[in-house]
C-alpha atoms as a PDB file:
ATOM      1  CA  MET A   1       0.000   0.000   0.000  1.00  0.00           C
ATOM      2  CA  LYS A   2       1.387   3.378  -0.951  1.00  0.00           C
ATOM      3  CA  THR A   3       1.928   6.027   1.691  1.00  0.00           C
ATOM      4  CA  PHE A   4      -1.212   8.044   2.354  1.00  0.00           C
ATOM      5  CA  LYS A   5      -1.077  11.717   1.416  1.00  0.00           C
ATOM      6  CA  ILE A   6      -4.144  13.916   1.446  1.00  0.00           C
ATOM      7  CA  ARG A   7      -5.153  15.982  -1.559  1.00  0.00           C
ATOM      8  CA  CYS A   8      -5.621  19.589  -0.489  1.00  0.00           C
ATOM      9  CA  SER A   9      -9.131  19.611  -1.974  1.00  0.00           C
ATOM     10  CA  ALA A  10     -10.045  16.748   0.402  1.00  0.00           C
ATOM     11  CA  ILE A  11      -8.428  17.964   3.630  1.00  0.00           C
ATOM     12  CA  GLY A  12     -11.800  19.016   5.016  1.00  0.00           C
ATOM     13  CA  GLN A  13     -12.979  15.415   4.776  1.00  0.00           C
ATOM     14  CA  ILE A  14     -10.434  14.234   7.343  1.00  0.00           C
ATOM     15  CA  MET A  15     -10.450  17.202   9.730  1.00  0.00           C
ATOM     16  CA  GLY A  16     -13.823  16.598  11.362  1.00  0.00           C
ATOM     17  CA  ASN A  17     -13.915  16.036  15.122  1.00  0.00           C
ATOM     18  CA  ALA A  18     -14.741  12.554  16.417  1.00  0.00           C
ATOM     19  CA  LYS A  19     -17.259  11.930  19.188  1.00  0.00           C
ATOM     20  CA  VAL A  20     -14.449  10.375  21.235  1.00  0.00           C
ATOM     21  CA  LYS A  21     -11.357  12.530  21.706  1.00  0.00           C
ATOM     22  CA  GLY A  22      -8.282  11.097  20.028  1.00  0.00           C
ATOM     23  CA  GLU A  23     -10.185   8.920  17.558  1.00  0.00           C
ATOM     24  CA  LEU A  24     -10.971   9.548  13.902  1.00  0.00           C
ATOM     25  CA  SER A  25     -14.416  10.802  12.964  1.00  0.00           C
ATOM     26  CA  ALA A  26     -16.878   8.606  11.080  1.00  0.00           C
ATOM     27  CA  GLY A  27     -16.506  10.888   8.055  1.00  0.00           C
ATOM     28  CA  THR A  28     -12.733  10.511   8.110  1.00  0.00           C
ATOM     29  CA  ILE A  29     -12.983   6.718   8.288  1.00  0.00           C
ATOM     30  CA  THR A  30     -15.402   6.681   5.357  1.00  0.00           C
ATOM     31  CA  TYR A  31     -12.951   8.772   3.339  1.00  0.00           C
ATOM     32  CA  LEU A  32     -10.069   6.433   4.221  1.00  0.00           C
ATOM     33  CA  LYS A  33     -12.018   3.328   3.265  1.00  0.00           C
ATOM     34  CA  ASN A  34     -12.778   4.869  -0.110  1.00  0.00           C
ATOM     35  CA  TRP A  35      -9.133   5.852  -0.536  1.00  0.00           C
ATOM     36  CA  TYR A  36      -7.987   2.322   0.296  1.00  0.00           C
ATOM     37  CA  ALA A  37     -10.431   0.767  -2.180  1.00  0.00           C
ATOM     38  CA  GLU A  38      -9.215   3.143  -4.891  1.00  0.00           C
ATOM     39  CA  GLN A  39      -5.633   2.016  -4.344  1.00  0.00           C
ATOM     40  CA  LYS A  40      -6.454  -1.680  -4.175  1.00  0.00           C
ATOM     41  CA  TYR A  41      -8.950  -1.956  -7.035  1.00  0.00           C
ATOM     42  CA  ASN A  42      -8.119   1.155  -9.071  1.00  0.00           C
ATOM     43  CA  ASP A  43     -11.614   2.504  -8.443  1.00  0.00           C
ATOM     44  CA  ARG A  44     -11.986   6.013  -9.835  1.00  0.00           C
ATOM     45  CA  GLU A  45     -15.514   7.335  -9.624  1.00  0.00           C
ATOM     46  CA  LYS A  46     -16.133  10.668 -11.331  1.00  0.00           C
ATOM     47  CA  ILE A  47     -18.909  12.896 -10.049  1.00  0.00           C
ATOM     48  CA  TYR A  48     -20.937  14.905 -12.552  1.00  0.00           C
ATOM     49  CA  SER A  49     -23.412  17.716 -11.944  1.00  0.00           C
ATOM     50  CA  LYS A  50     -24.455  20.904 -13.661  1.00  0.00           C
ATOM     51  CA  TYR A  51     -22.692  22.884 -10.905  1.00  0.00           C
ATOM     52  CA  ILE A  52     -19.388  21.065 -11.379  1.00  0.00           C
ATOM     53  CA  ASN A  53     -19.697  21.336 -15.167  1.00  0.00           C
ATOM     54  CA  LYS A  54     -20.156  25.088 -14.996  1.00  0.00           C
ATOM     55  CA  GLY A  55     -17.130  25.428 -12.740  1.00  0.00           C
ATOM     56  CA  ASN A  56     -14.989  23.392 -15.110  1.00  0.00           C
ATOM     57  CA  GLN A  57     -16.184  25.223 -18.209  1.00  0.00           C
ATOM     58  CA  GLN A  58     -15.766  28.706 -16.718  1.00  0.00           C
ATOM     59  CA  GLU A  59     -12.561  28.109 -14.770  1.00  0.00           C
ATOM     60  CA  ASN A  60     -10.226  29.925 -17.170  1.00  0.00           C
ATOM     61  CA  GLU A  61     -12.538  32.934 -17.354  1.00  0.00           C
ATOM     62  CA  ALA A  62     -12.763  33.039 -13.564  1.00  0.00           C
ATOM     63  CA  ILE A  63      -8.981  32.991 -13.303  1.00  0.00           C
ATOM     64  CA  GLU A  64      -8.793  35.853 -15.815  1.00  0.00           C
ATOM     65  CA  VAL A  65     -11.167  37.865 -13.607  1.00  0.00           C
ATOM     66  CA  VAL A  66      -8.952  37.224 -10.565  1.00  0.00           C
ATOM     67  CA  VAL A  67      -5.844  38.263 -12.492  1.00  0.00           C
ATOM     68  CA  ASN A  68      -7.516  41.552 -13.452  1.00  0.00           C
ATOM     69  CA  ARG A  69      -8.975  42.258 -10.016  1.00  0.00           C
ATOM     70  CA  PHE A  70      -5.617  41.772  -8.272  1.00  0.00           C
ATOM     71  CA  ASN A  71      -3.492  43.294 -11.062  1.00  0.00           C
ATOM     72  CA  LEU A  72      -1.407  40.154 -11.423  1.00  0.00           C
ATOM     73  CA  GLY A  73      -0.198  40.992 -14.925  1.00  0.00           C
ATOM     74  CA  LEU A  74       0.356  37.873 -17.016  1.00  0.00           C
ATOM     75  CA  GLY A  75      -1.265  35.475 -14.571  1.00  0.00           C
ATOM     76  CA  PHE A  76      -2.296  32.074 -15.859  1.00  0.00           C
ATOM     77  CA  LYS A  77      -3.742  28.859 -14.538  1.00  0.00           C
ATOM     78  CA  ASN A  78      -1.260  26.729 -12.653  1.00  0.00           C
ATOM     79  CA  THR A  79      -1.002  23.151 -13.942  1.00  0.00           C
ATOM     80  CA  ILE A  80       1.805  21.950 -11.663  1.00  0.00           C
ATOM     81  CA  GLU A  81       0.909  19.436  -8.970  1.00  0.00           C
ATOM     82  CA  PHE A  82       2.858  20.138  -5.815  1.00  0.00           C
ATOM     83  CA  GLU A  83       3.665  17.493  -3.222  1.00  0.00           C
ATOM     84  CA  ASN A  84       5.324  17.230   0.170  1.00  0.00           C
ATOM     85  CA  GLU A  85       5.476  14.601   2.908  1.00  0.00           C
ATOM     86  CA  PHE A  86       1.813  14.990   3.814  1.00  0.00           C
ATOM     87  CA  MET A  87      -0.158  16.564   0.957  1.00  0.00           C
ATOM     88  CA  THR A  88      -0.573  16.991  -2.781  1.00  0.00           C
ATOM     89  CA  GLY A  89      -2.403  19.688  -4.688  1.00  0.00           C
ATOM     90  CA  THR A  90      -2.730  21.955  -7.709  1.00  0.00           C
ATOM     91  CA  PRO A  91      -3.789  25.504  -6.784  1.00  0.00           C
ATOM     92  CA  ASP A  92      -5.476  27.587  -9.469  1.00  0.00           C
ATOM     93  CA  LEU A  93      -3.208  30.615  -9.443  1.00  0.00           C
ATOM     94  CA  LEU A  94      -0.022  31.762  -7.724  1.00  0.00           C
ATOM     95  CA  SER A  95       1.562  35.130  -7.164  1.00  0.00           C
ATOM     96  CA  GLU A  96       4.801  35.981  -5.392  1.00  0.00           C
ATOM     97  CA  ASP A  97       3.251  35.652  -1.925  1.00  0.00           C
ATOM     98  CA  THR A  98      -0.363  34.516  -2.383  1.00  0.00           C
ATOM     99  CA  ILE A  99      -2.366  31.426  -3.342  1.00  0.00           C
ATOM    100  CA  PHE A 100      -5.593  32.088  -5.284  1.00  0.00           C
ATOM    101  CA  ASP A 101      -8.418  29.608  -5.693  1.00  0.00           C
ATOM    102  CA  THR A 102     -11.507  30.362  -7.786  1.00  0.00           C
ATOM    103  CA  LYS A 103     -15.074  29.182  -7.272  1.00  0.00           C
ATOM    104  CA  CYS A 104     -17.724  29.757  -9.948  1.00  0.00           C
ATOM    105  CA  SER A 105     -21.095  30.368  -8.329  1.00  0.00           C
ATOM    106  CA  TRP A 106     -24.079  28.669  -9.951  1.00  0.00           C
ATOM    107  CA  ASN A 107     -26.388  31.709  -9.834  1.00  0.00           C
ATOM    108  CA  GLY A 108     -26.959  35.016  -8.072  1.00  0.00           C
ATOM    109  CA  LYS A 109     -28.446  33.437  -4.959  1.00  0.00           C
ATOM    110  CA  THR A 110     -25.613  30.969  -4.439  1.00  0.00           C
ATOM    111  CA  PHE A 111     -23.101  33.781  -5.007  1.00  0.00           C
ATOM    112  CA  LEU A 112     -24.746  35.979  -2.370  1.00  0.00           C
ATOM    113  CA  ASP A 113     -25.131  33.056   0.027  1.00  0.00           C
ATOM    114  CA  SER A 114     -21.409  32.308  -0.270  1.00  0.00           C
ATOM    115  CA  ILE A 115     -20.232  35.858   0.366  1.00  0.00           C
ATOM    116  CA  THR A 116     -22.626  36.569   3.257  1.00  0.00           C
ATOM    117  CA  SER A 117     -21.738  33.352   5.110  1.00  0.00           C
ATOM    118  CA  PRO A 118     -18.547  32.563   7.016  1.00  0.00           C
ATOM    119  CA  ILE A 119     -15.809  31.186   4.809  1.00  0.00           C
ATOM    120  CA  ASP A 120     -16.491  27.601   3.750  1.00  0.00           C
ATOM    121  CA  LYS A 121     -14.374  25.435   6.073  1.00  0.00           C
ATOM    122  CA  ASP A 122     -13.551  22.844   3.403  1.00  0.00           C
ATOM    123  CA  TYR A 123     -12.235  25.566   1.101  1.00  0.00           C
ATOM    124  CA  GLU A 124     -10.337  27.167   3.979  1.00  0.00           C
ATOM    125  CA  TRP A 125      -8.611  23.854   4.755  1.00  0.00           C
ATOM    126  CA  GLN A 126      -7.837  23.451   1.056  1.00  0.00           C
ATOM    127  CA  LEU A 127      -6.065  26.802   0.902  1.00  0.00           C
ATOM    128  CA  ILE A 128      -4.201  26.188   4.153  1.00  0.00           C
ATOM    129  CA  GLY A 129      -2.902  23.013   2.548  1.00  0.00           C
ATOM    130  CA  TYR A 130      -1.837  24.900  -0.563  1.00  0.00           C
ATOM    131  CA  MET A 131       0.013  27.471   1.547  1.00  0.00           C
ATOM    132  CA  GLY A 132       1.842  24.695   3.349  1.00  0.00           C
ATOM    133  CA  LEU A 133       2.714  22.950   0.101  1.00  0.00           C
ATOM    134  CA  ILE A 134       4.167  25.978  -1.626  1.00  0.00           C
ATOM    135  CA  ASN A 135       5.385  27.980   1.376  1.00  0.00           C
ATOM    136  CA  LYS A 136       3.103  30.969   0.842  1.00  0.00           C
ATOM    137  CA  LYS A 137       1.782  33.069   3.711  1.00  0.00           C
ATOM    138  CA  LYS A 138      -1.383  34.476   2.117  1.00  0.00           C
ATOM    139  CA  ALA A 139      -4.427  33.021   0.394  1.00  0.00           C
ATOM    140  CA  SER A 140      -7.470  34.336  -1.411  1.00  0.00           C
ATOM    141  CA  LEU A 141     -10.678  32.350  -1.966  1.00  0.00           C
ATOM    142  CA  CYS A 142     -12.410  34.070  -4.894  1.00  0.00           C
ATOM    143  CA  TYR A 143     -16.078  33.686  -5.826  1.00  0.00           C
ATOM    144  CA  VAL A 144     -17.082  34.782  -9.309  1.00  0.00           C
ATOM    145  CA  LEU A 145     -20.554  34.868 -10.865  1.00  0.00           C
ATOM    146  CA  LEU A 146     -20.156  34.202 -14.595  1.00  0.00           C
ATOM    147  CA  ASN A 147     -22.511  33.338 -17.424  1.00  0.00           C
ATOM    148  CA  THR A 148     -23.980  29.841 -17.219  1.00  0.00           C
ATOM    149  CA  PRO A 149     -23.236  27.899 -20.444  1.00  0.00           C
ATOM    150  CA  GLU A 150     -26.206  26.171 -22.021  1.00  0.00           C
ATOM    151  CA  GLU A 151     -24.256  22.888 -21.994  1.00  0.00           C
ATOM    152  CA  SER A 152     -24.421  22.794 -18.209  1.00  0.00           C
ATOM    153  CA  ASN A 153     -27.995  24.066 -17.874  1.00  0.00           C
ATOM    154  CA  TYR A 154     -30.161  21.796 -20.020  1.00  0.00           C
ATOM    155  CA  GLY A 155     -29.739  23.950 -23.113  1.00  0.00           C
ATOM    156  CA  GLN A 156     -30.542  27.272 -21.432  1.00  0.00           C
ATOM    157  CA  GLU A 157     -27.798  29.896 -21.250  1.00  0.00           C
ATOM    158  CA  VAL A 158     -27.947  32.476 -18.447  1.00  0.00           C
ATOM    159  CA  ILE A 159     -26.196  35.811 -19.081  1.00  0.00           C
ATOM    160  CA  TYR A 160     -24.818  38.097 -16.363  1.00  0.00           C
ATOM    161  CA  ASP A 161     -22.629  40.298 -18.589  1.00  0.00           C
ATOM    162  CA  GLU A 162     -24.873  43.348 -18.183  1.00  0.00           C
ATOM    163  CA  ILE A 163     -24.003  43.431 -14.460  1.00  0.00           C
ATOM    164  CA  ASP A 164     -20.666  45.027 -13.608  1.00  0.00           C
ATOM    165  CA  ILE A 165     -18.023  42.511 -12.478  1.00  0.00           C
ATOM    166  CA  SER A 166     -17.631  44.435  -9.207  1.00  0.00           C
ATOM    167  CA  GLN A 167     -21.094  43.100  -8.314  1.00  0.00           C
ATOM    168  CA  ARG A 168     -20.141  39.552  -9.288  1.00  0.00           C
ATOM    169  CA  PHE A 169     -16.794  39.132  -7.539  1.00  0.00           C
ATOM    170  CA  PHE A 170     -15.826  38.626  -3.893  1.00  0.00           C
ATOM    171  CA  SER A 171     -12.756  37.266  -2.136  1.00  0.00           C
ATOM    172  CA  PHE A 172     -12.027  35.950   1.343  1.00  0.00           C
ATOM    173  CA  ASN A 173      -8.420  36.905   2.104  1.00  0.00           C
ATOM    174  CA  PHE A 174      -6.485  35.421   4.999  1.00  0.00           C
ATOM    175  CA  GLU A 175      -3.005  34.507   6.178  1.00  0.00           C
ATOM    176  CA  LEU A 176      -1.481  31.158   7.096  1.00  0.00           C
ATOM    177  CA  ASP A 177      -2.199  29.805  10.557  1.00  0.00           C
ATOM    178  CA  GLU A 178       0.789  27.571  11.297  1.00  0.00           C
ATOM    179  CA  ASN A 179      -1.137  25.740  14.012  1.00  0.00           C
ATOM    180  CA  LYS A 180      -3.771  24.619  11.522  1.00  0.00           C
ATOM    181  CA  LEU A 181      -1.058  23.373   9.201  1.00  0.00           C
ATOM    182  CA  LEU A 182       0.333  21.300  12.072  1.00  0.00           C
ATOM    183  CA  GLU A 183      -3.176  19.947  12.700  1.00  0.00           C
ATOM    184  CA  ILE A 184      -3.335  18.696   9.114  1.00  0.00           C
ATOM    185  CA  GLU A 185       0.028  16.985   9.378  1.00  0.00           C
ATOM    186  CA  ALA A 186      -0.907  15.330  12.674  1.00  0.00           C
ATOM    187  CA  LYS A 187      -4.193  14.097  11.217  1.00  0.00           C
ATOM    188  CA  VAL A 188      -2.443  12.622   8.165  1.00  0.00           C
ATOM    189  CA  ILE A 189      -0.154  10.650  10.498  1.00  0.00           C
ATOM    190  CA  LYS A 190      -3.161   9.392  12.436  1.00  0.00           C
ATOM    191  CA  CYS A 191      -4.849   8.400   9.163  1.00  0.00           C
ATOM    192  CA  ARG A 192      -1.752   6.442   8.146  1.00  0.00           C
ATOM    193  CA  ASP A 193      -1.858   4.523  11.427  1.00  0.00           C
ATOM    194  CA  TRP A 194      -5.530   3.672  10.871  1.00  0.00           C
ATOM    195  CA  LEU A 195      -4.841   2.548   7.300  1.00  0.00           C
ATOM    196  CA  LYS A 196      -2.058   0.224   8.458  1.00  0.00           C
ATOM    197  CA  GLU A 197      -4.479  -1.535  10.808  1.00  0.00           C
ATOM    198  CA  TYR A 198      -7.161  -1.666   8.131  1.00  0.00           C
ATOM    199  CA  ASP A 199      -4.685  -3.108   5.624  1.00  0.00           C
ATOM    200  CA  LEU A 200      -3.723  -5.854   8.077  1.00  0.00           C
ATOM    201  CA  LEU A 201      -7.410  -6.697   8.535  1.00  0.00           C
ATOM    202  CA  ILE A 202      -7.975  -6.916   4.771  1.00  0.00           C
ATOM    203  CA  GLN A 203      -4.911  -9.089   4.333  1.00  0.00           C
ATOM    204  CA  ARG A 204      -6.089 -11.498   7.034  1.00  0.00           C
ATOM    205  CA  LEU A 205      -9.487 -11.785   5.378  1.00  0.00           C
ATOM    206  CA  LEU A 206      -8.358 -12.155   1.761  1.00  0.00           C
ATOM    207  CA  PHE A 207      -5.025 -13.985   1.876  1.00  0.00           C
END
């Protein structure tokens, strides 16, 4: 079994608190069982939805908006996967000192809901992971409301171009909390210990 490393986009799935102090949460164990099955049987299940499709289709445009809003010059989507002892990940956009990650809102309501609520904890964990991976001290979670392509909305395109981008863009900006980074690393170690025990159980049952 290969050494467990958490993808930054999935850190939130292992950081939940268990009912019993010192143990892994039920959600974390579910994630680890899925991870183990993927390694053993090469299971790769892709999830499709109109929300995910819009995000994928509009990602480059969203990154262009971020580049313009933060005056990043010739910014472009990062395609490099970074890796360290504990994590792997591919952040959307990098500047000299900041990690940027873009989220395309589905519609006006979901955009407003996102910006009027506390920062999404899963996304916050994701960006903390990115900062740890690439040794950056700042991060920006950017929500953008862009046109909805007809391909992701049952043939109906929704246009927001007549609304100024200032009314369709918002960012949560924060700095690295070293203690939270240490929490991630400690949890990855605990997950590895659990996976070793689980692997021994599977081997006893199947061999």
